[in-house]
Amino acid sequence: MTSLPWKRPAPKPAGATYDYPIKPMRHSLWADIQSTERGMLAMARKRLTEMSKEELWRLFPIELVEHRDVWEDYYKEEEENLLSTLGDAISRIDHIGSTSVPRLLAKPIVDILLQVRPNTDMRRIVEELESAGWFVMYQDISGGEVDLSKGYTEDGFADKVYHLHLKRLGDWDELVFRDYLEGHPKVAADYAALKLDLLSKFKYNRPAYTEAKTDFIRNVVKRARNDE
């Protein structure tokens, strides 16, 4: 059997001669081999859209970390990108979620609430966001709500991960909840404790983790609106 060009043939008995000269491997050839192997591995890796829910939950587990000031920088960076992409279609844009509340334990995912004008063509907005690298997770065009993400890869989380909540202009609970936590540190601490407890139960089940927080969030929003 003929040996591959980048592999030395098996040693021959003493005194035997080779039928052809053995040349040292060229650097460029070795680089080509490595590049080919990486390409084959990439082809073998599943795309996110091909993964089951369980596989996605394993690849993207719930993680909670101490607050990082850099999250505000991440938000401002993406805010500029969105303003550049959508322009006058944007009515209001806000940093929401736990990464927007100082000193609060959070998943390292920056949540953004993007509100567009009532007469905006939501389908066109979604198409423009997809062209800008956003991935649609959920959409209800007729209801005027679309959730998108950025920073989820076949290798896991990217350095910067975002959730974008696209809605028509309105009085949304996400802003009420954020503002109440910022003004009530004890409630924020209770929320952090709840999240830590849920992490131990639902680290690899994001929907269950989110659902389990619903009553707490709903009660806080109700209290905040009653105090207005």
C-alpha atoms as a PDB file:
ATOM      1  CA  MET A   1       0.000   0.000   0.000  1.00  0.00           C
ATOM      2  CA  THR A   2       1.388   3.444  -0.911  1.00  0.00           C
ATOM      3  CA  SER A   3       2.159   5.714   2.043  1.00  0.00           C
ATOM      4  CA  LEU A   4       0.485   9.116   2.341  1.00  0.00           C
ATOM      5  CA  PRO A   5       2.831  11.878   1.126  1.00  0.00           C
ATOM      6  CA  TRP A   6       3.111  13.472   4.602  1.00  0.00           C
ATOM      7  CA  LYS A   7       3.832  10.229   6.459  1.00  0.00           C
ATOM      8  CA  ARG A   8       7.094   8.303   6.665  1.00  0.00           C
ATOM      9  CA  PRO A   9       6.851   4.661   5.599  1.00  0.00           C
ATOM     10  CA  ALA A  10       7.439   1.926   8.188  1.00  0.00           C
ATOM     11  CA  PRO A  11      11.141   1.215   8.949  1.00  0.00           C
ATOM     12  CA  LYS A  12      12.803  -1.410   6.699  1.00  0.00           C
ATOM     13  CA  PRO A  13      15.276  -4.073   7.806  1.00  0.00           C
ATOM     14  CA  ALA A  14      18.902  -3.079   8.269  1.00  0.00           C
ATOM     15  CA  GLY A  15      20.698  -2.723   4.971  1.00  0.00           C
ATOM     16  CA  ALA A  16      17.523  -2.149   2.985  1.00  0.00           C
ATOM     17  CA  THR A  17      17.160   0.909   0.828  1.00  0.00           C
ATOM     18  CA  TYR A  18      14.156   3.070   0.160  1.00  0.00           C
ATOM     19  CA  ASP A  19      12.690   3.184  -3.309  1.00  0.00           C
ATOM     20  CA  TYR A  20      12.301   6.952  -3.080  1.00  0.00           C
ATOM     21  CA  PRO A  21      13.904   9.698  -0.991  1.00  0.00           C
ATOM     22  CA  ILE A  22      12.170  10.775   2.236  1.00  0.00           C
ATOM     23  CA  LYS A  23      11.826  14.528   2.347  1.00  0.00           C
ATOM     24  CA  PRO A  24      11.051  16.566   5.447  1.00  0.00           C
ATOM     25  CA  MET A  25       7.465  17.735   5.642  1.00  0.00           C
ATOM     26  CA  ARG A  26       6.897  21.215   4.272  1.00  0.00           C
ATOM     27  CA  HIS A  27       5.394  23.709   6.767  1.00  0.00           C
ATOM     28  CA  SER A  28       2.722  24.756   4.313  1.00  0.00           C
ATOM     29  CA  LEU A  29       1.643  21.141   3.815  1.00  0.00           C
ATOM     30  CA  TRP A  30       1.308  20.601   7.558  1.00  0.00           C
ATOM     31  CA  ALA A  31      -0.755  23.794   7.808  1.00  0.00           C
ATOM     32  CA  ASP A  32      -3.004  22.502   5.022  1.00  0.00           C
ATOM     33  CA  ILE A  33      -3.535  19.236   6.907  1.00  0.00           C
ATOM     34  CA  GLN A  34      -4.450  21.020  10.123  1.00  0.00           C
ATOM     35  CA  SER A  35      -6.804  23.344   8.266  1.00  0.00           C
ATOM     36  CA  THR A  36      -8.548  20.390   6.635  1.00  0.00           C
ATOM     37  CA  GLU A  37      -8.979  18.642   9.985  1.00  0.00           C
ATOM     38  CA  ARG A  38     -10.492  21.752  11.525  1.00  0.00           C
ATOM     39  CA  GLY A  39     -12.853  22.058   8.594  1.00  0.00           C
ATOM     40  CA  MET A  40     -13.992  18.456   8.946  1.00  0.00           C
ATOM     41  CA  LEU A  41     -14.631  18.936  12.664  1.00  0.00           C
ATOM     42  CA  ALA A  42     -16.657  22.062  11.963  1.00  0.00           C
ATOM     43  CA  MET A  43     -18.748  20.177   9.424  1.00  0.00           C
ATOM     44  CA  ALA A  44     -19.332  17.376  11.915  1.00  0.00           C
ATOM     45  CA  ARG A  45     -20.463  19.809  14.648  1.00  0.00           C
ATOM     46  CA  LYS A  46     -24.212  20.308  14.847  1.00  0.00           C
ATOM     47  CA  ARG A  47     -25.710  23.648  14.013  1.00  0.00           C
ATOM     48  CA  LEU A  48     -27.735  25.264  16.785  1.00  0.00           C
ATOM     49  CA  THR A  49     -30.914  24.855  14.752  1.00  0.00           C
ATOM     50  CA  GLU A  50     -30.252  21.099  14.541  1.00  0.00           C
ATOM     51  CA  MET A  51     -29.872  20.607  18.297  1.00  0.00           C
ATOM     52  CA  SER A  52     -32.586  19.316  20.595  1.00  0.00           C
ATOM     53  CA  LYS A  53     -33.765  21.455  23.508  1.00  0.00           C
ATOM     54  CA  GLU A  54     -31.832  19.248  25.904  1.00  0.00           C
ATOM     55  CA  GLU A  55     -28.632  19.689  23.879  1.00  0.00           C
ATOM     56  CA  LEU A  56     -29.103  23.450  23.835  1.00  0.00           C
ATOM     57  CA  TRP A  57     -29.689  23.568  27.592  1.00  0.00           C
ATOM     58  CA  ARG A  58     -26.460  21.623  28.143  1.00  0.00           C
ATOM     59  CA  LEU A  59     -24.520  23.892  25.814  1.00  0.00           C
ATOM     60  CA  PHE A  60     -25.971  27.037  27.373  1.00  0.00           C
ATOM     61  CA  PRO A  61     -26.524  26.334  31.092  1.00  0.00           C
ATOM     62  CA  ILE A  62     -27.792  28.897  33.566  1.00  0.00           C
ATOM     63  CA  GLU A  63     -24.841  30.806  35.024  1.00  0.00           C
ATOM     64  CA  LEU A  64     -24.963  33.450  37.748  1.00  0.00           C
ATOM     65  CA  VAL A  65     -22.081  35.822  38.421  1.00  0.00           C
ATOM     66  CA  GLU A  66     -21.412  38.948  40.452  1.00  0.00           C
ATOM     67  CA  HIS A  67     -22.318  42.242  38.832  1.00  0.00           C
ATOM     68  CA  ARG A  68     -19.833  43.549  36.269  1.00  0.00           C
ATOM     69  CA  ASP A  69     -19.580  47.231  35.389  1.00  0.00           C
ATOM     70  CA  VAL A  70     -18.571  46.282  31.847  1.00  0.00           C
ATOM     71  CA  TRP A  71     -22.134  45.165  31.126  1.00  0.00           C
ATOM     72  CA  GLU A  72     -23.172  48.803  30.818  1.00  0.00           C
ATOM     73  CA  ASP A  73     -20.426  49.281  28.224  1.00  0.00           C
ATOM     74  CA  TYR A  74     -21.701  46.231  26.331  1.00  0.00           C
ATOM     75  CA  TYR A  75     -25.185  47.716  26.357  1.00  0.00           C
ATOM     76  CA  LYS A  76     -24.041  51.115  25.085  1.00  0.00           C
ATOM     77  CA  GLU A  77     -22.044  49.447  22.319  1.00  0.00           C
ATOM     78  CA  GLU A  78     -25.081  47.540  21.096  1.00  0.00           C
ATOM     79  CA  GLU A  79     -27.357  50.524  21.548  1.00  0.00           C
ATOM     80  CA  GLU A  80     -25.232  52.417  19.041  1.00  0.00           C
ATOM     81  CA  ASN A  81     -25.386  49.489  16.624  1.00  0.00           C
ATOM     82  CA  LEU A  82     -29.181  49.299  16.873  1.00  0.00           C
ATOM     83  CA  LEU A  83     -29.618  53.033  16.393  1.00  0.00           C
ATOM     84  CA  SER A  84     -27.406  52.832  13.328  1.00  0.00           C
ATOM     85  CA  THR A  85     -29.346  49.847  11.943  1.00  0.00           C
ATOM     86  CA  LEU A  86     -32.923  50.951  12.638  1.00  0.00           C
ATOM     87  CA  GLY A  87     -32.698  54.734  12.934  1.00  0.00           C
ATOM     88  CA  ASP A  88     -36.001  56.590  13.306  1.00  0.00           C
ATOM     89  CA  ALA A  89     -37.978  53.365  13.707  1.00  0.00           C
ATOM     90  CA  ILE A  90     -36.787  53.257  17.326  1.00  0.00           C
ATOM     91  CA  SER A  91     -38.988  55.070  19.808  1.00  0.00           C
ATOM     92  CA  ARG A  92     -37.120  54.042  22.963  1.00  0.00           C
ATOM     93  CA  ILE A  93     -34.282  51.706  23.911  1.00  0.00           C
ATOM     94  CA  ASP A  94     -33.316  50.585  27.416  1.00  0.00           C
ATOM     95  CA  HIS A  95     -30.922  48.318  29.270  1.00  0.00           C
ATOM     96  CA  ILE A  96     -33.125  45.968  31.319  1.00  0.00           C
ATOM     97  CA  GLY A  97     -32.782  42.702  33.249  1.00  0.00           C
ATOM     98  CA  SER A  98     -30.427  41.894  36.084  1.00  0.00           C
ATOM     99  CA  THR A  99     -27.301  43.162  34.292  1.00  0.00           C
ATOM    100  CA  SER A 100     -28.851  46.651  34.399  1.00  0.00           C
ATOM    101  CA  VAL A 101     -29.215  46.656  38.218  1.00  0.00           C
ATOM    102  CA  PRO A 102     -26.032  47.554  40.172  1.00  0.00           C
ATOM    103  CA  ARG A 103     -24.760  44.926  42.626  1.00  0.00           C
ATOM    104  CA  LEU A 104     -27.334  42.343  41.538  1.00  0.00           C
ATOM    105  CA  LEU A 105     -26.297  38.757  40.807  1.00  0.00           C
ATOM    106  CA  ALA A 106     -27.004  38.056  37.141  1.00  0.00           C
ATOM    107  CA  LYS A 107     -26.623  35.805  34.157  1.00  0.00           C
ATOM    108  CA  PRO A 108     -23.876  37.354  31.989  1.00  0.00           C
ATOM    109  CA  ILE A 109     -26.409  38.188  29.281  1.00  0.00           C
ATOM    110  CA  VAL A 110     -27.291  41.802  28.481  1.00  0.00           C
ATOM    111  CA  ASP A 111     -31.036  42.319  28.015  1.00  0.00           C
ATOM    112  CA  ILE A 112     -32.263  45.177  25.843  1.00  0.00           C
ATOM    113  CA  LEU A 113     -35.823  46.448  25.481  1.00  0.00           C
ATOM    114  CA  LEU A 114     -36.287  47.995  22.051  1.00  0.00           C
ATOM    115  CA  GLN A 115     -39.576  49.818  21.503  1.00  0.00           C
ATOM    116  CA  VAL A 116     -40.639  50.871  18.019  1.00  0.00           C
ATOM    117  CA  ARG A 117     -43.327  53.258  16.886  1.00  0.00           C
ATOM    118  CA  PRO A 118     -46.907  51.892  16.697  1.00  0.00           C
ATOM    119  CA  ASN A 119     -47.130  52.045  12.894  1.00  0.00           C
ATOM    120  CA  THR A 120     -43.744  50.381  12.311  1.00  0.00           C
ATOM    121  CA  ASP A 121     -43.555  47.376   9.970  1.00  0.00           C
ATOM    122  CA  MET A 122     -42.371  44.728  12.458  1.00  0.00           C
ATOM    123  CA  ARG A 123     -41.505  42.208   9.749  1.00  0.00           C
ATOM    124  CA  ARG A 124     -39.156  44.688   8.102  1.00  0.00           C
ATOM    125  CA  ILE A 125     -37.540  45.447  11.462  1.00  0.00           C
ATOM    126  CA  VAL A 126     -36.980  41.750  12.134  1.00  0.00           C
ATOM    127  CA  GLU A 127     -35.450  41.261   8.685  1.00  0.00           C
ATOM    128  CA  GLU A 128     -33.041  44.154   9.275  1.00  0.00           C
ATOM    129  CA  LEU A 129     -32.059  42.766  12.671  1.00  0.00           C
ATOM    130  CA  GLU A 130     -31.439  39.313  11.216  1.00  0.00           C
ATOM    131  CA  SER A 131     -29.217  40.880   8.560  1.00  0.00           C
ATOM    132  CA  ALA A 132     -27.304  42.564  11.381  1.00  0.00           C
ATOM    133  CA  GLY A 133     -26.575  39.218  13.046  1.00  0.00           C
ATOM    134  CA  TRP A 134     -29.531  38.739  15.381  1.00  0.00           C
ATOM    135  CA  PHE A 135     -31.258  35.356  15.682  1.00  0.00           C
ATOM    136  CA  VAL A 136     -35.031  35.135  16.221  1.00  0.00           C
ATOM    137  CA  MET A 137     -35.964  33.041  19.275  1.00  0.00           C
ATOM    138  CA  TYR A 138     -39.671  33.884  19.410  1.00  0.00           C
ATOM    139  CA  GLN A 139     -41.975  36.086  17.402  1.00  0.00           C
ATOM    140  CA  ASP A 140     -45.585  37.213  17.508  1.00  0.00           C
ATOM    141  CA  ILE A 141     -45.765  39.788  14.754  1.00  0.00           C
ATOM    142  CA  SER A 142     -49.482  40.425  15.143  1.00  0.00           C
ATOM    143  CA  GLY A 143     -49.024  40.891  18.889  1.00  0.00           C
ATOM    144  CA  GLY A 144     -46.058  43.167  18.324  1.00  0.00           C
ATOM    145  CA  GLU A 145     -43.478  41.151  20.292  1.00  0.00           C
ATOM    146  CA  VAL A 146     -40.278  39.481  19.051  1.00  0.00           C
ATOM    147  CA  ASP A 147     -37.359  38.073  21.070  1.00  0.00           C
ATOM    148  CA  LEU A 148     -33.930  37.870  19.440  1.00  0.00           C
ATOM    149  CA  SER A 149     -30.465  36.868  20.599  1.00  0.00           C
ATOM    150  CA  LYS A 150     -26.820  37.355  19.721  1.00  0.00           C
ATOM    151  CA  GLY A 151     -23.751  35.578  21.080  1.00  0.00           C
ATOM    152  CA  TYR A 152     -24.874  31.944  21.050  1.00  0.00           C
ATOM    153  CA  THR A 153     -22.456  29.739  19.084  1.00  0.00           C
ATOM    154  CA  GLU A 154     -21.920  26.027  18.426  1.00  0.00           C
ATOM    155  CA  ASP A 155     -19.015  26.252  20.919  1.00  0.00           C
ATOM    156  CA  GLY A 156     -21.123  27.836  23.665  1.00  0.00           C
ATOM    157  CA  PHE A 157     -21.466  31.439  24.808  1.00  0.00           C
ATOM    158  CA  ALA A 158     -19.493  34.153  23.029  1.00  0.00           C
ATOM    159  CA  ASP A 159     -17.697  36.835  25.058  1.00  0.00           C
ATOM    160  CA  LYS A 160     -20.694  39.157  24.659  1.00  0.00           C
ATOM    161  CA  VAL A 161     -24.221  37.745  24.774  1.00  0.00           C
ATOM    162  CA  TYR A 162     -27.418  39.710  24.241  1.00  0.00           C
ATOM    163  CA  HIS A 163     -31.177  39.209  24.394  1.00  0.00           C
ATOM    164  CA  LEU A 164     -33.211  41.773  22.484  1.00  0.00           C
ATOM    165  CA  HIS A 165     -36.885  42.249  23.343  1.00  0.00           C
ATOM    166  CA  LEU A 166     -38.556  44.001  20.419  1.00  0.00           C
ATOM    167  CA  LYS A 167     -41.967  45.526  21.204  1.00  0.00           C
ATOM    168  CA  ARG A 168     -44.250  48.308  20.157  1.00  0.00           C
ATOM    169  CA  LEU A 169     -44.173  51.426  22.312  1.00  0.00           C
ATOM    170  CA  GLY A 170     -45.996  50.843  25.604  1.00  0.00           C
ATOM    171  CA  ASP A 171     -45.905  50.709  29.403  1.00  0.00           C
ATOM    172  CA  TRP A 172     -43.881  47.535  29.872  1.00  0.00           C
ATOM    173  CA  ASP A 173     -43.370  45.637  33.138  1.00  0.00           C
ATOM    174  CA  GLU A 174     -39.653  45.095  32.431  1.00  0.00           C
ATOM    175  CA  LEU A 175     -38.932  48.773  33.097  1.00  0.00           C
ATOM    176  CA  VAL A 176     -41.128  48.876  36.200  1.00  0.00           C
ATOM    177  CA  PHE A 177     -39.347  45.816  37.633  1.00  0.00           C
ATOM    178  CA  ARG A 178     -35.877  47.198  36.886  1.00  0.00           C
ATOM    179  CA  ASP A 179     -36.582  50.567  38.473  1.00  0.00           C
ATOM    180  CA  TYR A 180     -38.112  49.013  41.592  1.00  0.00           C
ATOM    181  CA  LEU A 181     -35.104  46.741  42.174  1.00  0.00           C
ATOM    182  CA  GLU A 182     -32.738  49.694  41.784  1.00  0.00           C
ATOM    183  CA  GLY A 183     -34.646  51.618  44.457  1.00  0.00           C
ATOM    184  CA  HIS A 184     -35.206  48.720  46.861  1.00  0.00           C
ATOM    185  CA  PRO A 185     -31.953  46.843  47.674  1.00  0.00           C
ATOM    186  CA  LYS A 186     -33.717  44.417  50.044  1.00  0.00           C
ATOM    187  CA  VAL A 187     -36.075  43.269  47.288  1.00  0.00           C
ATOM    188  CA  ALA A 188     -33.111  42.951  44.923  1.00  0.00           C
ATOM    189  CA  ALA A 189     -31.316  40.788  47.506  1.00  0.00           C
ATOM    190  CA  ASP A 190     -34.413  38.574  47.838  1.00  0.00           C
ATOM    191  CA  TYR A 191     -34.473  38.214  44.059  1.00  0.00           C
ATOM    192  CA  ALA A 192     -30.805  37.204  44.013  1.00  0.00           C
ATOM    193  CA  ALA A 193     -31.445  34.582  46.708  1.00  0.00           C
ATOM    194  CA  LEU A 194     -34.343  33.175  44.701  1.00  0.00           C
ATOM    195  CA  LYS A 195     -32.176  32.907  41.594  1.00  0.00           C
ATOM    196  CA  LEU A 196     -29.442  31.071  43.483  1.00  0.00           C
ATOM    197  CA  ASP A 197     -31.993  28.578  44.792  1.00  0.00           C
ATOM    198  CA  LEU A 198     -33.434  28.035  41.315  1.00  0.00           C
ATOM    199  CA  LEU A 199     -29.954  27.616  39.840  1.00  0.00           C
ATOM    200  CA  SER A 200     -29.426  24.522  41.969  1.00  0.00           C
ATOM    201  CA  LYS A 201     -32.632  23.037  40.544  1.00  0.00           C
ATOM    202  CA  PHE A 202     -32.733  24.217  36.938  1.00  0.00           C
ATOM    203  CA  LYS A 203     -29.142  24.815  35.791  1.00  0.00           C
ATOM    204  CA  TYR A 204     -29.833  22.898  32.577  1.00  0.00           C
ATOM    205  CA  ASN A 205     -33.468  23.871  32.086  1.00  0.00           C
ATOM    206  CA  ARG A 206     -33.774  27.531  31.116  1.00  0.00           C
ATOM    207  CA  PRO A 207     -37.580  27.558  30.564  1.00  0.00           C
ATOM    208  CA  ALA A 208     -38.204  26.053  34.012  1.00  0.00           C
ATOM    209  CA  TYR A 209     -35.775  28.524  35.595  1.00  0.00           C
ATOM    210  CA  THR A 210     -37.538  31.456  33.933  1.00  0.00           C
ATOM    211  CA  GLU A 211     -41.020  30.201  34.790  1.00  0.00           C
ATOM    212  CA  ALA A 212     -40.099  29.713  38.441  1.00  0.00           C
ATOM    213  CA  LYS A 213     -39.248  33.425  38.747  1.00  0.00           C
ATOM    214  CA  THR A 214     -42.574  34.573  37.311  1.00  0.00           C
ATOM    215  CA  ASP A 215     -44.572  34.895  40.535  1.00  0.00           C
ATOM    216  CA  PHE A 216     -41.834  36.898  42.258  1.00  0.00           C
ATOM    217  CA  ILE A 217     -41.555  39.298  39.321  1.00  0.00           C
ATOM    218  CA  ARG A 218     -45.322  39.647  38.974  1.00  0.00           C
ATOM    219  CA  ASN A 219     -45.718  40.458  42.675  1.00  0.00           C
ATOM    220  CA  VAL A 220     -42.952  43.059  42.597  1.00  0.00           C
ATOM    221  CA  VAL A 221     -44.432  44.748  39.519  1.00  0.00           C
ATOM    222  CA  LYS A 222     -47.874  44.820  41.155  1.00  0.00           C
ATOM    223  CA  ARG A 223     -46.402  46.375  44.307  1.00  0.00           C
ATOM    224  CA  ALA A 224     -44.498  48.946  42.254  1.00  0.00           C
ATOM    225  CA  ARG A 225     -47.551  49.987  40.259  1.00  0.00           C
ATOM    226  CA  ASN A 226     -49.630  50.296  43.426  1.00  0.00           C
ATOM    227  CA  ASP A 227     -46.984  52.625  44.873  1.00  0.00           C
ATOM    228  CA  GLU A 228     -47.122  54.954  41.892  1.00  0.00           C
END
